[in-house]
Amino acid sequence: MNKFIRFNLSSETTIEDLMGRLLSSGESWSGFKFVPVPFIEAYENGCILLLDELNLVQKNIIQSIQYGIDSKVLYIEVNGKMLKYKKSKDFRIICTQNPKSGGFVSIREDLSEFLQRFQVIYY
């Protein structure tokens, strides 16, 4: 059974939150190391990734997710070095979103074009 990873998105989610970030490390000659986070972990290890509140994130994050879904390899530049992550054949992504109405209507994105990549289920 594939590992399940749930990640809550918001209007303040950054690329670093989803793809990975540099952290200080005494083990590295540069003093930093790149730590992959939810998307990269699921992408490379064949996990099921649930992204909650997809339509709250900024368009550049949607574009990064789209690129990851469409490509077989992700390249992430860290301190001038290209890190390569291969997509596992078992990688699965599930996204949830609330309707573009109510109190958050002004910050929810219209993702109708992006959602064509998914089987949409309404409940």
Protein backbone atom coordinates (compact mmCIF):
# COMPACT_ATOMS: atom_id res chain seq x y z
CA MET A 1 0.00 0.00 0.00
CA ASN A 2 1.27 3.47 -0.89
CA LYS A 3 2.08 5.96 1.85
CA PHE A 4 -0.54 8.73 2.14
CA ILE A 5 0.59 12.34 2.57
CA ARG A 6 -1.87 15.17 3.27
CA PHE A 7 -0.84 18.77 2.75
CA ASN A 8 -3.03 21.78 3.54
CA LEU A 9 -2.69 24.64 1.08
CA SER A 10 -3.52 28.30 1.65
CA SER A 11 -3.11 31.67 -0.02
CA GLU A 12 0.21 31.94 1.84
CA THR A 13 1.64 28.60 0.62
CA THR A 14 4.97 29.05 -1.15
CA ILE A 15 6.86 26.91 -3.66
CA GLU A 16 9.30 26.10 -0.86
CA ASP A 17 6.45 24.80 1.32
CA LEU A 18 5.37 22.41 -1.42
CA MET A 19 8.61 21.44 -3.20
CA GLY A 20 11.36 21.86 -0.60
CA ARG A 21 13.54 24.34 1.19
CA LEU A 22 17.08 25.09 2.21
CA LEU A 23 17.85 24.52 5.88
CA SER A 24 21.05 25.23 7.74
CA SER A 25 23.18 22.14 8.20
CA GLY A 26 26.55 21.54 9.77
CA GLU A 27 26.85 18.40 7.63
CA SER A 28 27.13 20.32 4.35
CA TRP A 29 30.20 22.24 3.13
CA SER A 30 27.93 25.16 2.22
CA GLY A 31 26.23 25.20 5.62
CA PHE A 32 22.86 24.41 4.00
CA LYS A 33 21.06 21.36 2.72
CA PHE A 34 17.97 21.01 0.55
CA VAL A 35 15.12 19.21 2.29
CA PRO A 36 12.39 17.93 -0.04
CA VAL A 37 8.88 18.24 1.35
CA PRO A 38 5.44 16.79 0.46
CA PHE A 39 5.25 17.08 -3.32
CA ILE A 40 8.80 15.86 -3.97
CA GLU A 41 8.52 13.07 -1.40
CA ALA A 42 5.30 11.76 -2.97
CA TYR A 43 6.57 12.35 -6.53
CA GLU A 44 9.79 10.42 -6.08
CA ASN A 45 8.65 7.69 -3.66
CA GLY A 46 5.30 6.83 -5.25
CA CYS A 47 3.07 8.12 -2.48
CA ILE A 48 -0.51 9.31 -2.65
CA LEU A 49 -0.54 13.08 -2.14
CA LEU A 50 -3.70 14.87 -1.02
CA LEU A 51 -3.55 18.62 -1.63
CA ASP A 52 -6.36 20.26 0.34
CA GLU A 53 -7.81 23.66 -0.66
CA LEU A 54 -6.14 23.74 -4.08
CA ASN A 55 -7.95 26.83 -5.29
CA LEU A 56 -6.50 28.99 -2.51
CA VAL A 57 -2.91 28.84 -3.82
CA GLN A 58 -1.27 31.31 -6.18
CA LYS A 59 -1.03 30.57 -9.90
CA ASN A 60 2.73 29.93 -9.84
CA ILE A 61 2.15 27.01 -7.47
CA ILE A 62 -0.57 25.60 -9.73
CA GLN A 63 1.91 25.83 -12.62
CA SER A 64 4.53 23.93 -10.60
CA ILE A 65 2.03 21.20 -9.71
CA GLN A 66 0.93 21.00 -13.35
CA TYR A 67 4.52 20.68 -14.54
CA GLY A 68 5.13 17.91 -12.02
CA ILE A 69 2.06 16.00 -13.16
CA ASP A 70 2.96 16.35 -16.85
CA SER A 71 6.69 15.64 -16.64
CA LYS A 72 8.60 12.51 -15.70
CA VAL A 73 11.44 14.43 -14.10
CA LEU A 74 11.55 17.56 -11.95
CA TYR A 75 14.63 19.73 -11.74
CA ILE A 76 15.03 22.08 -8.81
CA GLU A 77 17.86 24.57 -8.72
CA VAL A 78 19.47 24.99 -5.31
CA ASN A 79 22.49 27.26 -4.93
CA GLY A 80 23.38 26.92 -8.60
CA LYS A 81 23.13 23.12 -8.54
CA MET A 82 20.35 21.24 -10.36
CA LEU A 83 18.68 18.53 -8.27
CA LYS A 84 16.87 15.87 -10.29
CA TYR A 85 13.79 13.99 -9.07
CA LYS A 86 12.19 11.20 -11.12
CA LYS A 87 8.45 10.66 -10.96
CA SER A 88 7.50 7.25 -9.58
CA LYS A 89 5.00 5.24 -11.60
CA ASP A 90 3.00 4.92 -8.35
CA PHE A 91 2.73 8.69 -7.72
CA ARG A 92 -0.92 9.73 -7.28
CA ILE A 93 -2.36 13.13 -6.55
CA ILE A 94 -5.76 14.00 -5.11
CA CYS A 95 -6.86 17.63 -4.83
CA THR A 96 -9.77 19.13 -2.94
CA GLN A 97 -11.28 22.58 -3.12
CA ASN A 98 -14.32 24.43 -1.92
CA PRO A 99 -16.62 26.34 -4.28
CA LYS A 100 -15.62 29.84 -5.35
CA SER A 101 -18.25 31.42 -3.12
CA GLY A 102 -18.73 32.57 0.44
CA GLY A 103 -16.19 34.38 2.58
CA PHE A 104 -13.13 33.39 0.54
CA VAL A 105 -14.54 34.14 -2.92
CA SER A 106 -12.03 36.92 -3.57
CA ILE A 107 -8.97 34.73 -2.95
CA ARG A 108 -10.10 31.47 -4.58
CA GLU A 109 -8.70 30.86 -8.06
CA ASP A 110 -10.71 29.62 -11.04
CA LEU A 111 -9.01 26.33 -11.87
CA SER A 112 -11.42 25.00 -14.50
CA GLU A 113 -8.65 24.52 -17.11
CA PHE A 114 -6.31 22.83 -14.63
CA LEU A 115 -9.06 20.53 -13.33
CA GLN A 116 -9.43 18.95 -16.78
CA ARG A 117 -6.46 16.79 -15.77
CA PHE A 118 -8.49 15.19 -12.97
CA GLN A 119 -11.57 13.06 -12.49
CA VAL A 120 -13.84 15.63 -10.80
CA ILE A 121 -16.14 14.39 -8.05
CA TYR A 122 -18.71 16.69 -6.44
CA TYR A 123 -20.12 15.98 -2.99
